[in-house]
Protein backbone atom coordinates (compact mmCIF):
# COMPACT_ATOMS: atom_id res chain seq x y z
CA UNK A 1 0.00 0.00 0.00
CA UNK A 2 1.39 3.39 -0.98
CA UNK A 3 0.62 6.71 0.64
CA UNK A 4 0.30 9.82 -1.49
CA UNK A 5 2.76 12.56 -0.64
CA UNK A 6 1.07 15.97 -0.38
CA UNK A 7 2.46 18.61 -2.70
CA UNK A 8 1.97 21.25 0.00
CA UNK A 9 1.03 21.39 3.67
CA UNK A 10 -2.58 21.90 4.73
CA UNK A 11 -3.40 24.15 7.68
CA UNK A 12 -6.45 24.04 9.94
CA UNK A 13 -7.53 27.28 8.27
CA UNK A 14 -7.37 25.55 4.86
CA UNK A 15 -9.78 22.98 6.31
CA UNK A 16 -12.19 25.76 7.23
CA UNK A 17 -11.39 26.48 10.88
CA UNK A 18 -9.93 29.91 11.61
CA UNK A 19 -8.19 29.83 15.00
CA UNK A 20 -7.31 33.52 14.73
CA UNK A 21 -10.98 34.43 14.27
CA UNK A 22 -11.83 32.40 17.36
CA UNK A 23 -9.17 34.20 19.37
CA UNK A 24 -10.48 37.56 18.13
CA UNK A 25 -13.98 36.62 19.26
CA UNK A 26 -12.74 35.68 22.74
CA UNK A 27 -11.11 39.08 23.08
CA UNK A 28 -14.37 40.75 22.03
CA UNK A 29 -16.31 38.66 24.55
CA UNK A 30 -14.13 39.24 27.61
CA UNK A 31 -15.23 42.83 28.37
CA UNK A 32 -18.86 41.84 27.85
CA UNK A 33 -18.52 38.98 30.31
CA UNK A 34 -16.75 41.20 32.86
CA UNK A 35 -19.85 43.40 33.04
CA UNK A 36 -21.86 40.41 34.30
CA UNK A 37 -19.57 39.47 37.18
CA UNK A 38 -21.17 39.00 40.60
CA UNK A 39 -20.44 37.49 43.99
CA UNK A 40 -19.33 33.88 43.77
CA UNK A 41 -17.31 34.06 40.56
CA UNK A 42 -13.81 32.69 41.21
CA UNK A 43 -12.68 32.21 37.60
CA UNK A 44 -14.56 32.84 34.40
CA UNK A 45 -13.87 33.26 30.67
CA UNK A 46 -10.56 31.86 29.42
CA UNK A 47 -9.95 28.78 31.53
CA UNK A 48 -10.77 25.14 30.84
CA UNK A 49 -13.53 25.35 33.42
CA UNK A 50 -15.29 28.22 35.19
CA UNK A 51 -15.31 28.33 38.99
CA UNK A 52 -18.21 29.56 41.09
CA UNK A 53 -18.70 29.52 44.86
CA UNK A 54 -22.26 29.47 46.13
CA UNK A 55 -22.74 32.69 48.14
CA UNK A 56 -22.35 32.13 51.88
CA UNK A 57 -25.70 33.80 52.62
CA UNK A 58 -27.35 30.50 51.62
CA UNK A 59 -27.81 28.18 54.60
CA UNK A 60 -29.03 25.05 52.77
CA UNK A 61 -28.50 25.82 49.08
CA UNK A 62 -30.05 23.59 46.45
CA UNK A 63 -28.72 24.04 42.93
CA UNK A 64 -31.26 24.32 40.12
CA UNK A 65 -30.16 23.91 36.50
CA UNK A 66 -31.79 24.61 33.17
CA UNK A 67 -30.88 24.41 29.50
CA UNK A 68 -32.59 25.56 26.32
CA UNK A 69 -32.12 27.08 22.90
CA UNK A 70 -33.84 29.70 20.76
CA UNK A 71 -35.47 27.38 18.22
CA UNK A 72 -36.42 28.38 14.69
CA UNK A 73 -36.57 32.05 15.65
CA UNK A 74 -32.95 31.87 14.54
CA UNK A 75 -34.10 31.37 10.94
CA UNK A 76 -35.60 34.87 10.99
CA UNK A 77 -32.45 36.24 12.62
CA UNK A 78 -30.47 34.88 9.66
CA UNK A 79 -32.94 36.10 7.05
CA UNK A 80 -33.35 39.58 8.53
CA UNK A 81 -29.76 39.97 9.80
CA UNK A 82 -31.01 40.65 13.34
CA UNK A 83 -28.55 39.00 15.72
CA UNK A 84 -28.35 41.37 18.69
CA UNK A 85 -31.37 40.12 20.68
CA UNK A 86 -31.41 36.33 20.21
CA UNK A 87 -28.77 36.10 22.93
CA UNK A 88 -31.25 37.66 25.36
CA UNK A 89 -33.76 35.00 24.27
CA UNK A 90 -31.20 32.31 25.00
CA UNK A 91 -30.61 33.53 28.56
CA UNK A 92 -34.28 34.15 29.26
CA UNK A 93 -35.42 30.69 28.24
CA UNK A 94 -33.16 29.08 30.85
CA UNK A 95 -33.17 31.60 33.71
CA UNK A 96 -36.97 31.95 33.63
CA UNK A 97 -37.21 28.17 33.97
CA UNK A 98 -34.79 28.16 36.90
CA UNK A 99 -36.79 30.98 38.48
CA UNK A 100 -39.94 28.82 38.51
CA UNK A 101 -38.38 26.73 41.29
CA UNK A 102 -37.90 29.90 43.31
CA UNK A 103 -34.20 29.96 42.47
CA UNK A 104 -31.89 32.93 41.91
CA UNK A 105 -29.87 32.42 38.70
CA UNK A 106 -26.16 32.45 39.57
CA UNK A 107 -24.27 31.80 36.37
CA UNK A 108 -24.74 31.04 32.69
CA UNK A 109 -22.79 29.29 29.94
CA UNK A 110 -23.43 29.37 26.20
CA UNK A 111 -22.69 27.19 23.19
CA UNK A 112 -22.38 28.86 19.76
CA UNK A 113 -21.89 26.56 16.77
CA UNK A 114 -21.40 27.56 13.14
CA UNK A 115 -19.91 26.39 9.88
CA UNK A 116 -17.68 29.43 9.42
CA UNK A 117 -17.14 31.94 12.19
CA UNK A 118 -18.15 35.52 11.47
CA UNK A 119 -16.68 37.47 14.37
CA UNK A 120 -19.07 40.42 14.06
CA UNK A 121 -22.16 38.21 14.02
CA UNK A 122 -20.93 36.07 16.90
CA UNK A 123 -20.02 39.17 18.93
CA UNK A 124 -23.53 40.57 18.39
CA UNK A 125 -25.06 37.31 19.60
CA UNK A 126 -22.80 37.09 22.66
CA UNK A 127 -23.45 40.76 23.36
CA UNK A 128 -27.11 39.84 23.70
CA UNK A 129 -26.22 36.94 25.96
CA UNK A 130 -24.21 39.27 28.20
CA UNK A 131 -27.07 41.76 28.26
CA UNK A 132 -29.50 39.02 29.27
CA UNK A 133 -27.19 37.96 32.07
CA UNK A 134 -26.92 41.56 33.30
CA UNK A 135 -30.70 41.95 33.32
CA UNK A 136 -31.17 38.72 35.26
CA UNK A 137 -28.29 39.23 37.69
CA UNK A 138 -26.31 36.15 36.72
CA UNK A 139 -22.71 35.89 35.59
CA UNK A 140 -21.61 34.82 32.11
CA UNK A 141 -18.67 32.70 33.21
CA UNK A 142 -17.96 30.45 30.25
CA UNK A 143 -19.02 28.97 26.97
CA UNK A 144 -17.93 27.29 23.77
CA UNK A 145 -17.60 28.55 20.21
CA UNK A 146 -17.49 25.67 17.74
CA UNK A 147 -16.52 26.26 14.12
CA UNK A 148 -17.46 23.12 12.16
CA UNK A 149 -17.11 23.42 8.39
CA UNK A 150 -19.83 21.60 6.49
CA UNK A 151 -22.17 21.28 9.47
CA UNK A 152 -24.17 24.48 8.93
CA UNK A 153 -25.10 26.47 5.82
CA UNK A 154 -23.20 29.74 5.26
CA UNK A 155 -24.44 32.52 7.54
CA UNK A 156 -26.24 30.19 9.95
CA UNK A 157 -25.45 29.09 13.51
CA UNK A 158 -27.06 27.36 16.46
CA UNK A 159 -27.27 28.31 20.11
CA UNK A 160 -27.68 26.50 23.41
CA UNK A 161 -27.59 27.93 26.91
CA UNK A 162 -27.13 26.53 30.40
CA UNK A 163 -28.12 28.27 33.64
CA UNK A 164 -27.49 27.28 37.25
CA UNK A 165 -29.29 28.89 40.16
CA UNK A 166 -29.68 28.36 43.89
CA UNK A 167 -32.60 28.32 46.30
CA UNK A 168 -32.88 27.61 50.00
CA UNK A 169 -34.09 24.03 50.43
CA UNK A 170 -37.00 25.24 52.56
CA UNK A 171 -38.04 27.78 49.91
CA UNK A 172 -38.25 25.54 46.82
CA UNK A 173 -41.48 26.18 44.92
CA UNK A 174 -43.22 22.88 44.20
CA UNK A 175 -46.86 23.94 43.89
CA UNK A 176 -47.87 21.29 46.44
CA UNK A 177 -49.70 23.87 48.57
CA UNK A 178 -51.84 25.23 45.73
CA UNK A 179 -55.50 24.90 46.67
CA UNK A 180 -58.98 25.99 45.54
CA UNK A 181 -59.53 29.73 45.79
CA UNK A 182 -55.92 30.67 45.05
CA UNK A 183 -55.57 33.46 42.52
CA UNK A 184 -53.80 33.12 39.17
CA UNK A 185 -51.88 36.23 38.10
CA UNK A 186 -50.50 36.58 34.59
CA UNK A 187 -47.39 38.62 33.77
CA UNK A 188 -47.47 40.09 30.28
CA UNK A 189 -45.10 38.74 27.67
CA UNK A 190 -43.00 40.96 25.40
CA UNK A 191 -44.28 39.15 22.32
CA UNK A 192 -43.92 35.66 20.90
CA UNK A 193 -40.77 35.07 23.01
CA UNK A 194 -38.99 31.97 21.61
CA UNK A 195 -41.72 29.40 20.98
CA UNK A 196 -44.04 28.81 18.06
CA UNK A 197 -41.76 30.25 15.38
CA UNK A 198 -42.26 27.32 13.03
CA UNK A 199 -45.88 28.48 12.77
CA UNK A 200 -44.86 32.16 12.74
CA UNK A 201 -42.67 31.50 9.70
CA UNK A 202 -45.53 29.65 7.98
CA UNK A 203 -47.75 32.68 8.59
CA UNK A 204 -45.14 34.95 6.99
CA UNK A 205 -44.90 32.61 3.99
CA UNK A 206 -48.69 32.50 3.66
CA UNK A 207 -48.94 36.29 3.44
CA UNK A 208 -45.69 37.30 1.73
CA UNK A 209 -45.03 34.23 -0.39
CA UNK A 210 -41.75 32.36 -0.78
CA UNK A 211 -38.80 32.30 -3.17
CA UNK A 212 -39.15 34.53 -6.20
CA UNK A 213 -42.77 35.26 -5.23
CA UNK A 214 -41.79 36.75 -1.85
CA UNK A 215 -43.13 40.27 -1.36
CA UNK A 216 -42.51 41.86 2.05
CA UNK A 217 -44.90 44.71 1.22
CA UNK A 218 -47.80 42.29 1.82
CA UNK A 219 -46.84 42.02 5.49
CA UNK A 220 -48.06 44.56 8.07
CA UNK A 221 -45.78 47.58 8.32
CA UNK A 222 -46.27 47.71 12.10
CA UNK A 223 -47.77 45.70 14.93
CA UNK A 224 -48.35 47.17 18.38
CA UNK A 225 -46.59 50.37 17.37
CA UNK A 226 -43.38 48.61 16.31
CA UNK A 227 -41.86 47.71 12.97
CA UNK A 228 -43.17 44.27 11.97
CA UNK A 229 -39.77 42.61 12.19
CA UNK A 230 -38.91 44.29 15.48
CA UNK A 231 -42.23 43.13 16.98
CA UNK A 232 -41.62 39.53 15.97
CA UNK A 233 -37.99 39.52 17.11
CA UNK A 234 -38.64 41.21 20.47
CA UNK A 235 -36.59 39.21 22.98
CA UNK A 236 -38.12 36.98 25.61
CA UNK A 237 -38.95 38.94 28.73
CA UNK A 238 -36.71 38.32 31.75
CA UNK A 239 -38.89 37.98 34.85
CA UNK A 240 -36.08 37.22 37.30
CA UNK A 241 -35.58 40.43 39.28
CA UNK A 242 -39.27 41.43 39.69
CA UNK A 243 -40.32 37.90 40.68
CA UNK A 244 -37.43 37.43 43.12
CA UNK A 245 -38.35 40.76 44.72
CA UNK A 246 -41.96 39.61 45.08
CA UNK A 247 -40.89 36.23 46.46
CA UNK A 248 -38.91 37.98 49.18
CA UNK A 249 -42.06 39.74 50.41
CA UNK A 250 -45.03 37.53 49.56
CA UNK A 251 -45.88 33.82 49.97
CA UNK A 252 -46.10 32.85 46.30
CA UNK A 253 -47.16 29.23 45.91
CA UNK A 254 -46.25 28.41 42.32
CA UNK A 255 -44.80 29.87 39.14
CA UNK A 256 -45.14 28.66 35.55
CA UNK A 257 -43.01 29.86 32.65
CA UNK A 258 -45.26 29.89 29.58
CA UNK A 259 -43.16 28.38 26.81
CA UNK A 260 -43.86 25.64 24.26
CA UNK A 261 -47.34 24.28 24.94
CA UNK A 262 -48.64 27.68 26.01
CA UNK A 263 -50.93 28.26 28.96
CA UNK A 264 -52.75 24.97 28.49
CA UNK A 265 -49.73 22.71 28.94
CA UNK A 266 -47.41 24.69 31.21
CA UNK A 267 -49.73 25.65 34.09
CA UNK A 268 -50.63 21.99 34.87
CA UNK A 269 -46.93 21.28 35.44
CA UNK A 270 -47.08 23.22 38.73
CA UNK A 271 -50.51 22.10 39.96
CA UNK A 272 -51.01 19.26 42.42
CA UNK A 273 -53.24 16.35 41.49
CA UNK A 274 -56.92 17.20 41.65
CA UNK A 275 -56.44 20.93 41.00
CA UNK A 276 -57.34 22.94 37.89
CA UNK A 277 -56.80 26.52 36.78
CA UNK A 278 -59.96 28.28 35.60
CA UNK A 279 -58.91 31.27 33.52
CA UNK A 280 -61.28 34.06 32.52
CA UNK A 281 -61.38 34.71 28.79
CA UNK A 282 -60.69 38.38 28.04
CA UNK A 283 -59.04 39.05 31.40
CA UNK A 284 -55.88 40.01 29.52
CA UNK A 285 -55.68 41.75 26.14
CA UNK A 286 -54.65 40.10 22.91
CA UNK A 287 -52.01 42.18 21.16
CA UNK A 288 -52.08 43.08 17.48
CA UNK A 289 -49.22 40.64 16.97
CA UNK A 290 -51.08 37.65 18.37
CA UNK A 291 -54.32 38.72 16.65
CA UNK A 292 -52.44 38.78 13.32
CA UNK A 293 -50.94 35.34 13.96
CA UNK A 294 -54.32 33.86 14.86
CA UNK A 295 -56.09 35.40 11.90
CA UNK A 296 -53.35 34.46 9.45
CA UNK A 297 -52.98 30.89 10.68
CA UNK A 298 -56.72 30.37 11.08
CA UNK A 299 -56.34 28.47 14.36
CA UNK A 300 -58.99 28.53 17.09
CA UNK A 301 -58.57 29.91 20.61
CA UNK A 302 -57.68 26.50 22.05
CA UNK A 303 -54.85 25.94 19.60
CA UNK A 304 -53.71 29.55 20.04
CA UNK A 305 -53.31 29.04 23.78
CA UNK A 306 -51.52 25.72 23.22
CA UNK A 307 -49.04 27.05 20.66
CA UNK A 308 -48.12 30.55 21.86
CA UNK A 309 -47.91 32.34 25.20
CA UNK A 310 -50.68 34.55 23.72
CA UNK A 311 -49.69 37.53 25.85
CA UNK A 312 -48.87 35.87 29.20
CA UNK A 313 -45.22 34.90 29.71
CA UNK A 314 -45.24 33.94 33.40
CA UNK A 315 -48.03 32.76 35.70
CA UNK A 316 -48.00 33.38 39.46
CA UNK A 317 -50.27 31.44 41.83
CA UNK A 318 -50.85 33.05 45.20
CA UNK A 319 -53.33 32.91 48.08
CA UNK A 320 -56.25 35.27 47.50
CA UNK A 321 -55.38 37.21 50.65
CA UNK A 322 -51.97 38.12 49.18
CA UNK A 323 -52.97 38.56 45.53
CA UNK A 324 -53.33 42.34 45.50
CA UNK A 325 -50.09 42.97 47.40
CA UNK A 326 -48.17 40.54 45.19
CA UNK A 327 -49.52 42.17 42.05
CA UNK A 328 -48.59 45.61 43.38
CA UNK A 329 -45.05 44.48 44.12
CA UNK A 330 -44.65 43.06 40.62
CA UNK A 331 -46.01 46.26 39.06
CA UNK A 332 -43.62 48.37 41.12
CA UNK A 333 -40.79 46.39 39.51
CA UNK A 334 -42.02 47.02 35.99
CA UNK A 335 -44.32 44.10 35.26
CA UNK A 336 -47.74 44.35 33.63
CA UNK A 337 -49.93 42.14 35.79
CA UNK A 338 -53.37 40.73 35.01
CA UNK A 339 -55.64 38.79 37.35
CA UNK A 340 -56.52 36.00 34.94
CA UNK A 341 -58.25 33.32 37.00
CA UNK A 342 -58.41 31.11 40.06
CA UNK A 343 -57.68 27.57 41.19
CA UNK A 344 -60.58 25.15 41.55
CA UNK A 345 -61.03 21.42 42.18
CA UNK A 346 -60.56 19.45 39.00
CA UNK A 347 -63.59 17.41 37.98
CA UNK A 348 -63.84 15.78 34.55
CA UNK A 349 -62.50 18.80 32.70
CA UNK A 350 -59.04 19.82 31.61
CA UNK A 351 -56.34 21.00 34.02
CA UNK A 352 -56.64 24.47 32.46
CA UNK A 353 -59.97 25.84 31.26
CA UNK A 354 -60.40 29.25 29.65
CA UNK A 355 -63.99 30.41 29.61
């Protein structure tokens, strides 16, 4: 067996991986990550592993972890060259989940994968990640940038995020104390957040067409006072700081982050057996954005509330005696709060009924 002798040497860059571009990105990321530093960080960006010490104010800390991505919302980011907010989405999807257990997010790590690294695009994405960490009070202490030629089409990338939080063992929210008569509060979403974008993109195709027939002028110029694209790409709302402030003052019984599956499938995840949430139709407004999606897709109210958050991004369950004070606290910290229903015994109906 003979082995061919190469006429010239091949470098890693010739194979499609640019180490210099990766190094340039790390240097761009470092000052962004430094802005997110908080108590507990011992070593962050640059090492083989990030070090974090659980703050000593916790007596019996329980760590809570979460991981998620941004889904097909990224396809619109590629198409519309809007990369500066999907990083906020990435953080929000994980830290809002961690929050549901009553936990304070402590640190975050990201994974950015592409076929060919564009430093400007990657820096815009990571800038959003850093901003999301700032807004939720957690530290961006590490991550991975993977350049994999042939794995992704030119100009595209994928994202994953990982959050770790802590909660006192005695303060973990399980929903086990939820009972009939408790009030269901809904915190307004900032838009579609990061779920349902496969249907969103179908709606865009239905109105504007595809390929050579695509005509953006057929789409609404604005929705809810924002440019159409800006409205659709609005980042997932971060509920961390307002909800933690309310938890410190009021005996909240359960939280539900309204993601894939909408109100109908996420609220039951925090209800004990035998309990149901009866929501009042019309107790929160439907935005122009969600009205356009429902009209364009032609889906009924049930499917709308099973596909999208439909205007409610976080649900708070609290004893009726504390409902007004809890709502006031959340409003004082910038949330739009609606009283959307109450808990009742579950009979033969669904775990969530909207009527």
